[in-house]
Amino acid sequence: MSSIDVAICSGFSPGARVLRAAVRELTSEEDIRVVTVAPALAEIPKAMDEMRGLKERRVIVVDGCEGGCGLQVLNRFEVLPSNIVMIRKHFNVTRKGIDEAKEQIRQAIREVQG
């Protein structure tokens, strides 16, 4: 099992949009599976089961603002992440911001891979 799950926030802040763009690009570069927390938060049964299933997996949570909704949802489902990434505050979605976020997330992936 080499894949790492990356749980991402589903917000609309510029930081959340930057992190989603970064993660979308990383899916073609890294062995990761992206899990969004919003469906579980909405109590969609299949998504809630998916969240519970993360307990036995390597999970990195990536949040785009200090609200930390991704981590809060994982906590709700008693999932202990292997790593936590908080994207720095963004006021706009820029290429530079996406590239910086990619490197933050890539570093977390490397740490989890060992």
PDB file of N, CA and C in Angstrom:
ATOM      1  N   MET A   1       0.852  -1.182   0.000  1.00  0.00           N
ATOM      2  CA  MET A   1       0.000   0.000   0.000  1.00  0.00           C
ATOM      3  C   MET A   1       0.891   1.237   0.000  1.00  0.00           C
ATOM      4  N   SER A   2       1.204   1.766  -1.139  1.00  0.00           N
ATOM      5  CA  SER A   2       2.070   2.935  -1.215  1.00  0.00           C
ATOM      6  C   SER A   2       1.285   4.230  -1.270  1.00  0.00           C
ATOM      7  N   SER A   3       0.019   4.163  -1.598  1.00  0.00           N
ATOM      8  CA  SER A   3      -0.782   5.367  -1.755  1.00  0.00           C
ATOM      9  C   SER A   3      -1.016   6.063  -0.426  1.00  0.00           C
ATOM     10  N   ILE A   4      -1.034   7.369  -0.479  1.00  0.00           N
ATOM     11  CA  ILE A   4      -1.329   8.214   0.669  1.00  0.00           C
ATOM     12  C   ILE A   4      -2.611   8.968   0.360  1.00  0.00           C
ATOM     13  N   ASP A   5      -3.496   9.033   1.343  1.00  0.00           N
ATOM     14  CA  ASP A   5      -4.724   9.807   1.179  1.00  0.00           C
ATOM     15  C   ASP A   5      -4.446  11.248   1.577  1.00  0.00           C
ATOM     16  N   VAL A   6      -4.909  12.172   0.767  1.00  0.00           N
ATOM     17  CA  VAL A   6      -4.776  13.591   1.066  1.00  0.00           C
ATOM     18  C   VAL A   6      -6.182  14.139   1.245  1.00  0.00           C
ATOM     19  N   ALA A   7      -6.523  14.438   2.488  1.00  0.00           N
ATOM     20  CA  ALA A   7      -7.841  14.990   2.810  1.00  0.00           C
ATOM     21  C   ALA A   7      -7.744  16.506   2.723  1.00  0.00           C
ATOM     22  N   ILE A   8      -8.631  17.090   1.929  1.00  0.00           N
ATOM     23  CA  ILE A   8      -8.552  18.531   1.701  1.00  0.00           C
ATOM     24  C   ILE A   8      -9.833  19.230   2.140  1.00  0.00           C
ATOM     25  N   CYS A   9      -9.655  20.460   2.545  1.00  0.00           N
ATOM     26  CA  CYS A   9     -10.811  21.273   2.890  1.00  0.00           C
ATOM     27  C   CYS A   9     -11.599  21.586   1.620  1.00  0.00           C
ATOM     28  N   SER A  10     -12.799  22.013   1.818  1.00  0.00           N
ATOM     29  CA  SER A  10     -13.679  22.281   0.677  1.00  0.00           C
ATOM     30  C   SER A  10     -14.134  23.741   0.648  1.00  0.00           C
ATOM     31  N   GLY A  11     -13.373  24.593   1.295  1.00  0.00           N
ATOM     32  CA  GLY A  11     -13.764  25.998   1.420  1.00  0.00           C
ATOM     33  C   GLY A  11     -13.610  26.786   0.134  1.00  0.00           C
ATOM     34  N   PHE A  12     -13.967  28.049   0.242  1.00  0.00           N
ATOM     35  CA  PHE A  12     -13.910  28.948  -0.915  1.00  0.00           C
ATOM     36  C   PHE A  12     -12.938  30.093  -0.714  1.00  0.00           C
ATOM     37  N   SER A  13     -12.166  30.050   0.363  1.00  0.00           N
ATOM     38  CA  SER A  13     -11.160  31.090   0.573  1.00  0.00           C
ATOM     39  C   SER A  13     -10.121  30.979  -0.533  1.00  0.00           C
ATOM     40  N   PRO A  14      -9.379  32.047  -0.782  1.00  0.00           N
ATOM     41  CA  PRO A  14      -8.307  31.931  -1.777  1.00  0.00           C
ATOM     42  C   PRO A  14      -7.320  30.814  -1.430  1.00  0.00           C
ATOM     43  N   GLY A  15      -7.017  30.639  -0.147  1.00  0.00           N
ATOM     44  CA  GLY A  15      -6.110  29.566   0.260  1.00  0.00           C
ATOM     45  C   GLY A  15      -6.651  28.194  -0.100  1.00  0.00           C
ATOM     46  N   ALA A  16      -7.952  27.990   0.106  1.00  0.00           N
ATOM     47  CA  ALA A  16      -8.573  26.702  -0.235  1.00  0.00           C
ATOM     48  C   ALA A  16      -8.517  26.466  -1.740  1.00  0.00           C
ATOM     49  N   ARG A  17      -8.736  27.508  -2.511  1.00  0.00           N
ATOM     50  CA  ARG A  17      -8.680  27.347  -3.965  1.00  0.00           C
ATOM     51  C   ARG A  17      -7.250  27.064  -4.426  1.00  0.00           C
ATOM     52  N   VAL A  18      -6.272  27.697  -3.776  1.00  0.00           N
ATOM     53  CA  VAL A  18      -4.865  27.441  -4.090  1.00  0.00           C
ATOM     54  C   VAL A  18      -4.527  25.992  -3.776  1.00  0.00           C
ATOM     55  N   LEU A  19      -4.934  25.510  -2.607  1.00  0.00           N
ATOM     56  CA  LEU A  19      -4.573  24.135  -2.237  1.00  0.00           C
ATOM     57  C   LEU A  19      -5.248  23.126  -3.140  1.00  0.00           C
ATOM     58  N   ARG A  20      -6.478  23.380  -3.559  1.00  0.00           N
ATOM     59  CA  ARG A  20      -7.134  22.434  -4.468  1.00  0.00           C
ATOM     60  C   ARG A  20      -6.430  22.389  -5.817  1.00  0.00           C
ATOM     61  N   ALA A  21      -5.989  23.534  -6.308  1.00  0.00           N
ATOM     62  CA  ALA A  21      -5.247  23.556  -7.571  1.00  0.00           C
ATOM     63  C   ALA A  21      -3.931  22.792  -7.417  1.00  0.00           C
ATOM     64  N   ALA A  22      -3.249  22.998  -6.301  1.00  0.00           N
ATOM     65  CA  ALA A  22      -1.978  22.319  -6.059  1.00  0.00           C
ATOM     66  C   ALA A  22      -2.174  20.807  -5.969  1.00  0.00           C
ATOM     67  N   VAL A  23      -3.181  20.378  -5.220  1.00  0.00           N
ATOM     68  CA  VAL A  23      -3.438  18.945  -5.065  1.00  0.00           C
ATOM     69  C   VAL A  23      -3.856  18.326  -6.391  1.00  0.00           C
ATOM     70  N   ARG A  24      -4.658  19.035  -7.154  1.00  0.00           N
ATOM     71  CA  ARG A  24      -5.083  18.522  -8.467  1.00  0.00           C
ATOM     72  C   ARG A  24      -3.857  18.245  -9.336  1.00  0.00           C
ATOM     73  N   GLU A  25      -2.892  19.147  -9.336  1.00  0.00           N
ATOM     74  CA  GLU A  25      -1.673  18.942 -10.116  1.00  0.00           C
ATOM     75  C   GLU A  25      -0.828  17.799  -9.542  1.00  0.00           C
ATOM     76  N   LEU A  26      -0.776  17.693  -8.236  1.00  0.00           N
ATOM     77  CA  LEU A  26       0.033  16.644  -7.610  1.00  0.00           C
ATOM     78  C   LEU A  26      -0.507  15.245  -7.870  1.00  0.00           C
ATOM     79  N   THR A  27      -1.787  15.124  -8.179  1.00  0.00           N
ATOM     80  CA  THR A  27      -2.334  13.788  -8.435  1.00  0.00           C
ATOM     81  C   THR A  27      -1.675  13.122  -9.637  1.00  0.00           C
ATOM     82  N   SER A  28      -1.144  13.908 -10.552  1.00  0.00           N
ATOM     83  CA  SER A  28      -0.466  13.309 -11.705  1.00  0.00           C
ATOM     84  C   SER A  28       1.028  13.113 -11.451  1.00  0.00           C
ATOM     85  N   GLU A  29       1.522  13.621 -10.330  1.00  0.00           N
ATOM     86  CA  GLU A  29       2.949  13.548 -10.029  1.00  0.00           C
ATOM     87  C   GLU A  29       3.278  12.624  -8.859  1.00  0.00           C
ATOM     88  N   GLU A  30       2.313  12.381  -7.987  1.00  0.00           N
ATOM     89  CA  GLU A  30       2.545  11.612  -6.765  1.00  0.00           C
ATOM     90  C   GLU A  30       1.506  10.500  -6.644  1.00  0.00           C
ATOM     91  N   ASP A  31       1.831   9.500  -5.853  1.00  0.00           N
ATOM     92  CA  ASP A  31       0.915   8.391  -5.607  1.00  0.00           C
ATOM     93  C   ASP A  31       0.000   8.759  -4.437  1.00  0.00           C
ATOM     94  N   ILE A  32      -0.991   9.590  -4.727  1.00  0.00           N
ATOM     95  CA  ILE A  32      -1.916  10.056  -3.700  1.00  0.00           C
ATOM     96  C   ILE A  32      -3.356   9.870  -4.169  1.00  0.00           C
ATOM     97  N   ARG A  33      -4.241   9.789  -3.198  1.00  0.00           N
ATOM     98  CA  ARG A  33      -5.678   9.750  -3.473  1.00  0.00           C
ATOM     99  C   ARG A  33      -6.279  10.921  -2.719  1.00  0.00           C
ATOM    100  N   VAL A  34      -7.044  11.750  -3.406  1.00  0.00           N
ATOM    101  CA  VAL A  34      -7.631  12.943  -2.804  1.00  0.00           C
ATOM    102  C   VAL A  34      -9.002  12.610  -2.232  1.00  0.00           C
ATOM    103  N   VAL A  35      -9.207  13.054  -0.997  1.00  0.00           N
ATOM    104  CA  VAL A  35     -10.480  12.873  -0.315  1.00  0.00           C
ATOM    105  C   VAL A  35     -10.941  14.250   0.149  1.00  0.00           C
ATOM    106  N   THR A  36     -12.133  14.649  -0.272  1.00  0.00           N
ATOM    107  CA  THR A  36     -12.665  15.925   0.178  1.00  0.00           C
ATOM    108  C   THR A  36     -13.590  15.676   1.367  1.00  0.00           C
ATOM    109  N   VAL A  37     -13.576  16.585   2.318  1.00  0.00           N
ATOM    110  CA  VAL A  37     -14.299  16.356   3.566  1.00  0.00           C
ATOM    111  C   VAL A  37     -15.751  16.815   3.533  1.00  0.00           C
ATOM    112  N   ALA A  38     -16.122  17.638   2.587  1.00  0.00           N
ATOM    113  CA  ALA A  38     -17.472  18.211   2.568  1.00  0.00           C
ATOM    114  C   ALA A  38     -18.587  17.167   2.535  1.00  0.00           C
ATOM    115  N   PRO A  39     -18.514  16.133   1.713  1.00  0.00           N
ATOM    116  CA  PRO A  39     -19.613  15.163   1.700  1.00  0.00           C
ATOM    117  C   PRO A  39     -19.823  14.471   3.048  1.00  0.00           C
ATOM    118  N   ALA A  40     -18.734  14.185   3.761  1.00  0.00           N
ATOM    119  CA  ALA A  40     -18.877  13.564   5.083  1.00  0.00           C
ATOM    120  C   ALA A  40     -19.485  14.550   6.067  1.00  0.00           C
ATOM    121  N   LEU A  41     -19.092  15.795   5.939  1.00  0.00           N
ATOM    122  CA  LEU A  41     -19.652  16.838   6.800  1.00  0.00           C
ATOM    123  C   LEU A  41     -21.147  16.998   6.559  1.00  0.00           C
ATOM    124  N   ALA A  42     -21.568  16.758   5.316  1.00  0.00           N
ATOM    125  CA  ALA A  42     -22.987  16.818   4.957  1.00  0.00           C
ATOM    126  C   ALA A  42     -23.721  15.532   5.334  1.00  0.00           C
ATOM    127  N   GLU A  43     -22.983  14.603   5.955  1.00  0.00           N
ATOM    128  CA  GLU A  43     -23.534  13.335   6.437  1.00  0.00           C
ATOM    129  C   GLU A  43     -24.079  12.435   5.325  1.00  0.00           C
ATOM    130  N   ILE A  44     -23.406  12.460   4.188  1.00  0.00           N
ATOM    131  CA  ILE A  44     -23.721  11.533   3.108  1.00  0.00           C
ATOM    132  C   ILE A  44     -23.144  10.181   3.519  1.00  0.00           C
ATOM    133  N   PRO A  45     -23.986   9.161   3.644  1.00  0.00           N
ATOM    134  CA  PRO A  45     -23.532   7.882   4.210  1.00  0.00           C
ATOM    135  C   PRO A  45     -22.266   7.305   3.579  1.00  0.00           C
ATOM    136  N   LYS A  46     -22.179   7.278   2.268  1.00  0.00           N
ATOM    137  CA  LYS A  46     -20.999   6.712   1.604  1.00  0.00           C
ATOM    138  C   LYS A  46     -19.740   7.503   1.981  1.00  0.00           C
ATOM    139  N   ALA A  47     -19.861   8.814   2.050  1.00  0.00           N
ATOM    140  CA  ALA A  47     -18.719   9.656   2.406  1.00  0.00           C
ATOM    141  C   ALA A  47     -18.334   9.474   3.876  1.00  0.00           C
ATOM    142  N   MET A  48     -19.321   9.283   4.721  1.00  0.00           N
ATOM    143  CA  MET A  48     -19.042   9.038   6.135  1.00  0.00           C
ATOM    144  C   MET A  48     -18.291   7.713   6.301  1.00  0.00           C
ATOM    145  N   ASP A  49     -18.690   6.706   5.537  1.00  0.00           N
ATOM    146  CA  ASP A  49     -17.981   5.422   5.567  1.00  0.00           C
ATOM    147  C   ASP A  49     -16.547   5.586   5.082  1.00  0.00           C
ATOM    148  N   GLU A  50     -16.379   6.396   4.031  1.00  0.00           N
ATOM    149  CA  GLU A  50     -15.036   6.648   3.506  1.00  0.00           C
ATOM    150  C   GLU A  50     -14.162   7.311   4.570  1.00  0.00           C
ATOM    151  N   MET A  51     -14.703   8.274   5.301  1.00  0.00           N
ATOM    152  CA  MET A  51     -13.947   8.932   6.369  1.00  0.00           C
ATOM    153  C   MET A  51     -13.555   7.928   7.443  1.00  0.00           C
ATOM    154  N   ARG A  52     -14.480   7.100   7.845  1.00  0.00           N
ATOM    155  CA  ARG A  52     -14.181   6.089   8.869  1.00  0.00           C
ATOM    156  C   ARG A  52     -13.095   5.124   8.380  1.00  0.00           C
ATOM    157  N   GLY A  53     -13.099   4.832   7.093  1.00  0.00           N
ATOM    158  CA  GLY A  53     -12.113   3.936   6.507  1.00  0.00           C
ATOM    159  C   GLY A  53     -10.705   4.505   6.502  1.00  0.00           C
ATOM    160  N   LEU A  54     -10.579   5.804   6.706  1.00  0.00           N
ATOM    161  CA  LEU A  54      -9.256   6.429   6.718  1.00  0.00           C
ATOM    162  C   LEU A  54      -8.478   6.118   7.992  1.00  0.00           C
ATOM    163  N   LYS A  55      -9.140   5.588   9.002  1.00  0.00           N
ATOM    164  CA  LYS A  55      -8.472   5.304  10.280  1.00  0.00           C
ATOM    165  C   LYS A  55      -7.278   4.381  10.109  1.00  0.00           C
ATOM    166  N   GLU A  56      -7.350   3.486   9.160  1.00  0.00           N
ATOM    167  CA  GLU A  56      -6.291   2.490   8.965  1.00  0.00           C
ATOM    168  C   GLU A  56      -5.307   2.886   7.865  1.00  0.00           C
ATOM    169  N   ARG A  57      -5.386   4.123   7.374  1.00  0.00           N
ATOM    170  CA  ARG A  57      -4.557   4.523   6.241  1.00  0.00           C
ATOM    171  C   ARG A  57      -3.639   5.674   6.631  1.00  0.00           C
ATOM    172  N   ARG A  58      -2.686   5.947   5.741  1.00  0.00           N
ATOM    173  CA  ARG A  58      -1.809   7.114   5.932  1.00  0.00           C
ATOM    174  C   ARG A  58      -2.519   8.315   5.318  1.00  0.00           C
ATOM    175  N   VAL A  59      -2.783   9.320   6.152  1.00  0.00           N
ATOM    176  CA  VAL A  59      -3.574  10.468   5.719  1.00  0.00           C
ATOM    177  C   VAL A  59      -2.809  11.756   6.008  1.00  0.00           C
ATOM    178  N   ILE A  60      -2.785  12.600   5.005  1.00  0.00           N
ATOM    179  CA  ILE A  60      -2.292  13.967   5.175  1.00  0.00           C
ATOM    180  C   ILE A  60      -3.513  14.859   5.041  1.00  0.00           C
ATOM    181  N   VAL A  61      -3.698  15.760   5.978  1.00  0.00           N
ATOM    182  CA  VAL A  61      -4.793  16.721   5.866  1.00  0.00           C
ATOM    183  C   VAL A  61      -4.189  18.058   5.450  1.00  0.00           C
ATOM    184  N   VAL A  62      -4.836  18.706   4.486  1.00  0.00           N
ATOM    185  CA  VAL A  62      -4.372  19.996   3.996  1.00  0.00           C
ATOM    186  C   VAL A  62      -5.519  20.989   4.155  1.00  0.00           C
ATOM    187  N   ASP A  63      -5.265  22.036   4.919  1.00  0.00           N
ATOM    188  CA  ASP A  63      -6.268  23.081   5.129  1.00  0.00           C
ATOM    189  C   ASP A  63      -5.802  24.384   4.512  1.00  0.00           C
ATOM    190  N   GLY A  64      -6.775  25.171   4.060  1.00  0.00           N
ATOM    191  CA  GLY A  64      -6.470  26.416   3.363  1.00  0.00           C
ATOM    192  C   GLY A  64      -6.652  27.674   4.182  1.00  0.00           C
ATOM    193  N   CYS A  65      -7.122  27.535   5.417  1.00  0.00           N
ATOM    194  CA  CYS A  65      -7.249  28.703   6.293  1.00  0.00           C
ATOM    195  C   CYS A  65      -7.226  28.248   7.738  1.00  0.00           C
ATOM    196  N   GLU A  66      -7.177  29.201   8.622  1.00  0.00           N
ATOM    197  CA  GLU A  66      -7.069  28.891  10.048  1.00  0.00           C
ATOM    198  C   GLU A  66      -8.314  28.213  10.618  1.00  0.00           C
ATOM    199  N   GLY A  67      -9.380  28.137   9.846  1.00  0.00           N
ATOM    200  CA  GLY A  67     -10.581  27.423  10.292  1.00  0.00           C
ATOM    201  C   GLY A  67     -10.342  25.936  10.448  1.00  0.00           C
ATOM    202  N   GLY A  68      -9.427  25.393   9.674  1.00  0.00           N
ATOM    203  CA  GLY A  68      -9.030  23.997   9.805  1.00  0.00           C
ATOM    204  C   GLY A  68     -10.160  23.000   9.635  1.00  0.00           C
ATOM    205  N   CYS A  69     -11.056  23.232   8.674  1.00  0.00           N
ATOM    206  CA  CYS A  69     -12.219  22.344   8.519  1.00  0.00           C
ATOM    207  C   CYS A  69     -11.814  20.915   8.176  1.00  0.00           C
ATOM    208  N   GLY A  70     -10.755  20.742   7.412  1.00  0.00           N
ATOM    209  CA  GLY A  70     -10.311  19.389   7.071  1.00  0.00           C
ATOM    210  C   GLY A  70      -9.928  18.604   8.311  1.00  0.00           C
ATOM    211  N   LEU A  71      -9.118  19.220   9.174  1.00  0.00           N
ATOM    212  CA  LEU A  71      -8.705  18.559  10.399  1.00  0.00           C
ATOM    213  C   LEU A  71      -9.893  18.332  11.334  1.00  0.00           C
ATOM    214  N   GLN A  72     -10.792  19.297  11.397  1.00  0.00           N
ATOM    215  CA  GLN A  72     -11.964  19.138  12.259  1.00  0.00           C
ATOM    216  C   GLN A  72     -12.827  17.947  11.836  1.00  0.00           C
ATOM    217  N   VAL A  73     -13.001  17.775  10.537  1.00  0.00           N
ATOM    218  CA  VAL A  73     -13.806  16.647  10.060  1.00  0.00           C
ATOM    219  C   VAL A  73     -13.092  15.329  10.357  1.00  0.00           C
ATOM    220  N   LEU A  74     -11.785  15.269  10.126  1.00  0.00           N
ATOM    221  CA  LEU A  74     -11.051  14.044  10.459  1.00  0.00           C
ATOM    222  C   LEU A  74     -11.183  13.739  11.950  1.00  0.00           C
ATOM    223  N   ASN A  75     -11.069  14.760  12.784  1.00  0.00           N
ATOM    224  CA  ASN A  75     -11.222  14.557  14.227  1.00  0.00           C
ATOM    225  C   ASN A  75     -12.602  14.012  14.556  1.00  0.00           C
ATOM    226  N   ARG A  76     -13.609  14.518  13.892  1.00  0.00           N
ATOM    227  CA  ARG A  76     -14.986  14.060  14.123  1.00  0.00           C
ATOM    228  C   ARG A  76     -15.111  12.556  13.863  1.00  0.00           C
ATOM    229  N   PHE A  77     -14.365  12.057  12.881  1.00  0.00           N
ATOM    230  CA  PHE A  77     -14.416  10.641  12.532  1.00  0.00           C
ATOM    231  C   PHE A  77     -13.262   9.860  13.168  1.00  0.00           C
ATOM    232  N   GLU A  78     -12.594  10.481  14.135  1.00  0.00           N
ATOM    233  CA  GLU A  78     -11.520   9.853  14.903  1.00  0.00           C
ATOM    234  C   GLU A  78     -10.375   9.356  14.040  1.00  0.00           C
ATOM    235  N   VAL A  79     -10.075  10.124  13.001  1.00  0.00           N
ATOM    236  CA  VAL A  79      -8.951   9.820  12.112  1.00  0.00           C
ATOM    237  C   VAL A  79      -7.766  10.676  12.553  1.00  0.00           C
ATOM    238  N   LEU A  80      -6.667  10.025  12.872  1.00  0.00           N
ATOM    239  CA  LEU A  80      -5.458  10.722  13.273  1.00  0.00           C
ATOM    240  C   LEU A  80      -4.561  10.874  12.042  1.00  0.00           C
ATOM    241  N   PRO A  81      -4.406  12.098  11.533  1.00  0.00           N
ATOM    242  CA  PRO A  81      -3.593  12.261  10.324  1.00  0.00           C
ATOM    243  C   PRO A  81      -2.114  12.002  10.590  1.00  0.00           C
ATOM    244  N   SER A  82      -1.437  11.500   9.578  1.00  0.00           N
ATOM    245  CA  SER A  82       0.004  11.277   9.649  1.00  0.00           C
ATOM    246  C   SER A  82       0.769  12.582   9.540  1.00  0.00           C
ATOM    247  N   ASN A  83       0.154  13.582   8.907  1.00  0.00           N
ATOM    248  CA  ASN A  83       0.779  14.883   8.743  1.00  0.00           C
ATOM    249  C   ASN A  83      -0.315  15.913   8.516  1.00  0.00           C
ATOM    250  N   ILE A  84      -0.041  17.140   8.924  1.00  0.00           N
ATOM    251  CA  ILE A  84      -0.991  18.251   8.768  1.00  0.00           C
ATOM    252  C   ILE A  84      -0.278  19.372   8.029  1.00  0.00           C
ATOM    253  N   VAL A  85      -0.928  19.876   6.975  1.00  0.00           N
ATOM    254  CA  VAL A  85      -0.378  20.997   6.214  1.00  0.00           C
ATOM    255  C   VAL A  85      -1.383  22.139   6.272  1.00  0.00           C
ATOM    256  N   MET A  86      -0.904  23.302   6.710  1.00  0.00           N
ATOM    257  CA  MET A  86      -1.725  24.507   6.684  1.00  0.00           C
ATOM    258  C   MET A  86      -1.106  25.428   5.633  1.00  0.00           C
ATOM    259  N   ILE A  87      -1.826  25.614   4.551  1.00  0.00           N
ATOM    260  CA  ILE A  87      -1.339  26.492   3.482  1.00  0.00           C
ATOM    261  C   ILE A  87      -1.285  27.916   4.018  1.00  0.00           C
ATOM    262  N   ARG A  88      -0.232  28.623   3.673  1.00  0.00           N
ATOM    263  CA  ARG A  88      -0.132  30.004   4.150  1.00  0.00           C
ATOM    264  C   ARG A  88      -1.266  30.842   3.579  1.00  0.00           C
ATOM    265  N   LYS A  89      -1.563  31.952   4.229  1.00  0.00           N
ATOM    266  CA  LYS A  89      -2.684  32.797   3.835  1.00  0.00           C
ATOM    267  C   LYS A  89      -2.467  33.366   2.431  1.00  0.00           C
ATOM    268  N   HIS A  90      -3.520  33.299   1.621  1.00  0.00           N
ATOM    269  CA  HIS A  90      -3.483  33.835   0.264  1.00  0.00           C
ATOM    270  C   HIS A  90      -4.630  34.821   0.082  1.00  0.00           C
ATOM    271  N   PHE A  91      -4.360  35.852  -0.703  1.00  0.00           N
ATOM    272  CA  PHE A  91      -5.402  36.819  -1.014  1.00  0.00           C
ATOM    273  C   PHE A  91      -5.877  36.673  -2.454  1.00  0.00           C
ATOM    274  N   ASN A  92      -5.082  35.974  -3.254  1.00  0.00           N
ATOM    275  CA  ASN A  92      -5.394  35.702  -4.657  1.00  0.00           C
ATOM    276  C   ASN A  92      -4.887  34.312  -5.005  1.00  0.00           C
ATOM    277  N   VAL A  93      -5.452  33.752  -6.050  1.00  0.00           N
ATOM    278  CA  VAL A  93      -4.946  32.488  -6.567  1.00  0.00           C
ATOM    279  C   VAL A  93      -3.911  32.834  -7.641  1.00  0.00           C
ATOM    280  N   THR A  94      -2.657  32.473  -7.376  1.00  0.00           N
ATOM    281  CA  THR A  94      -1.577  32.779  -8.313  1.00  0.00           C
ATOM    282  C   THR A  94      -0.762  31.517  -8.593  1.00  0.00           C
ATOM    283  N   ARG A  95      -0.056  31.527  -9.690  1.00  0.00           N
ATOM    284  CA  ARG A  95       0.824  30.407 -10.027  1.00  0.00           C
ATOM    285  C   ARG A  95       1.864  30.213  -8.933  1.00  0.00           C
ATOM    286  N   LYS A  96       2.427  31.300  -8.440  1.00  0.00           N
ATOM    287  CA  LYS A  96       3.431  31.224  -7.381  1.00  0.00           C
ATOM    288  C   LYS A  96       2.829  30.568  -6.133  1.00  0.00           C
ATOM    289  N   GLY A  97       1.642  30.955  -5.768  1.00  0.00           N
ATOM    290  CA  GLY A  97       0.991  30.375  -4.598  1.00  0.00           C
ATOM    291  C   GLY A  97       0.721  28.889  -4.766  1.00  0.00           C
ATOM    292  N   ILE A  98       0.272  28.502  -5.959  1.00  0.00           N
ATOM    293  CA  ILE A  98       0.015  27.085  -6.238  1.00  0.00           C
ATOM    294  C   ILE A  98       1.311  26.289  -6.152  1.00  0.00           C
ATOM    295  N   ASP A  99       2.387  26.812  -6.735  1.00  0.00           N
ATOM    296  CA  ASP A  99       3.674  26.117  -6.692  1.00  0.00           C
ATOM    297  C   ASP A  99       4.199  25.993  -5.261  1.00  0.00           C
ATOM    298  N   GLU A 100       4.047  27.043  -4.459  1.00  0.00           N
ATOM    299  CA  GLU A 100       4.482  26.988  -3.060  1.00  0.00           C
ATOM    300  C   GLU A 100       3.664  25.950  -2.284  1.00  0.00           C
ATOM    301  N   ALA A 101       2.362  25.931  -2.525  1.00  0.00           N
ATOM    302  CA  ALA A 101       1.499  24.956  -1.848  1.00  0.00           C
ATOM    303  C   ALA A 101       1.873  23.535  -2.259  1.00  0.00           C
ATOM    304  N   LYS A 102       2.159  23.344  -3.549  1.00  0.00           N
ATOM    305  CA  LYS A 102       2.577  22.015  -4.019  1.00  0.00           C
ATOM    306  C   LYS A 102       3.811  21.546  -3.269  1.00  0.00           C
ATOM    307  N   GLU A 103       4.761  22.436  -3.076  1.00  0.00           N
ATOM    308  CA  GLU A 103       5.985  22.042  -2.389  1.00  0.00           C
ATOM    309  C   GLU A 103       5.724  21.733  -0.922  1.00  0.00           C
ATOM    310  N   GLN A 104       4.838  22.484  -0.273  1.00  0.00           N
ATOM    311  CA  GLN A 104       4.476  22.186   1.117  1.00  0.00           C
ATOM    312  C   GLN A 104       3.859  20.792   1.217  1.00  0.00           C
ATOM    313  N   ILE A 105       2.942  20.513   0.309  1.00  0.00           N
ATOM    314  CA  ILE A 105       2.246  19.226   0.326  1.00  0.00           C
ATOM    315  C   ILE A 105       3.205  18.103  -0.056  1.00  0.00           C
ATOM    316  N   ARG A 106       4.048  18.349  -1.051  1.00  0.00           N
ATOM    317  CA  ARG A 106       5.027  17.334  -1.474  1.00  0.00           C
ATOM    318  C   ARG A 106       5.976  16.997  -0.305  1.00  0.00           C
ATOM    319  N   GLN A 107       6.370  17.987   0.456  1.00  0.00           N
ATOM    320  CA  GLN A 107       7.252  17.742   1.613  1.00  0.00           C
ATOM    321  C   GLN A 107       6.520  16.872   2.633  1.00  0.00           C
ATOM    322  N   ALA A 108       5.240  17.136   2.866  1.00  0.00           N
ATOM    323  CA  ALA A 108       4.461  16.311   3.805  1.00  0.00           C
ATOM    324  C   ALA A 108       4.356  14.874   3.302  1.00  0.00           C
ATOM    325  N   ILE A 109       4.186  14.711   1.996  1.00  0.00           N
ATOM    326  CA  ILE A 109       4.122  13.361   1.411  1.00  0.00           C
ATOM    327  C   ILE A 109       5.436  12.632   1.666  1.00  0.00           C
ATOM    328  N   ARG A 110       6.560  13.307   1.430  1.00  0.00           N
ATOM    329  CA  ARG A 110       7.879  12.693   1.635  1.00  0.00           C
ATOM    330  C   ARG A 110       8.068  12.278   3.110  1.00  0.00           C
ATOM    331  N   GLU A 111       7.624  13.132   4.019  1.00  0.00           N
ATOM    332  CA  GLU A 111       7.749  12.813   5.443  1.00  0.00           C
ATOM    333  C   GLU A 111       6.928  11.570   5.800  1.00  0.00           C
ATOM    334  N   VAL A 112       5.748  11.452   5.237  1.00  0.00           N
ATOM    335  CA  VAL A 112       4.884  10.300   5.534  1.00  0.00           C
ATOM    336  C   VAL A 112       5.448   9.035   4.881  1.00  0.00           C
ATOM    337  N   GLN A 113       6.028   9.176   3.706  1.00  0.00           N
ATOM    338  CA  GLN A 113       6.611   8.015   3.021  1.00  0.00           C
ATOM    339  C   GLN A 113       7.831   7.484   3.759  1.00  0.00           C
ATOM    340  N   GLY A 114       8.475   8.381   4.513  1.00  0.00           N
ATOM    341  CA  GLY A 114       9.654   7.951   5.295  1.00  0.00           C
ATOM    342  C   GLY A 114      10.875   7.969   4.550  1.00  0.00           C
TER     343      GLY A 114
END
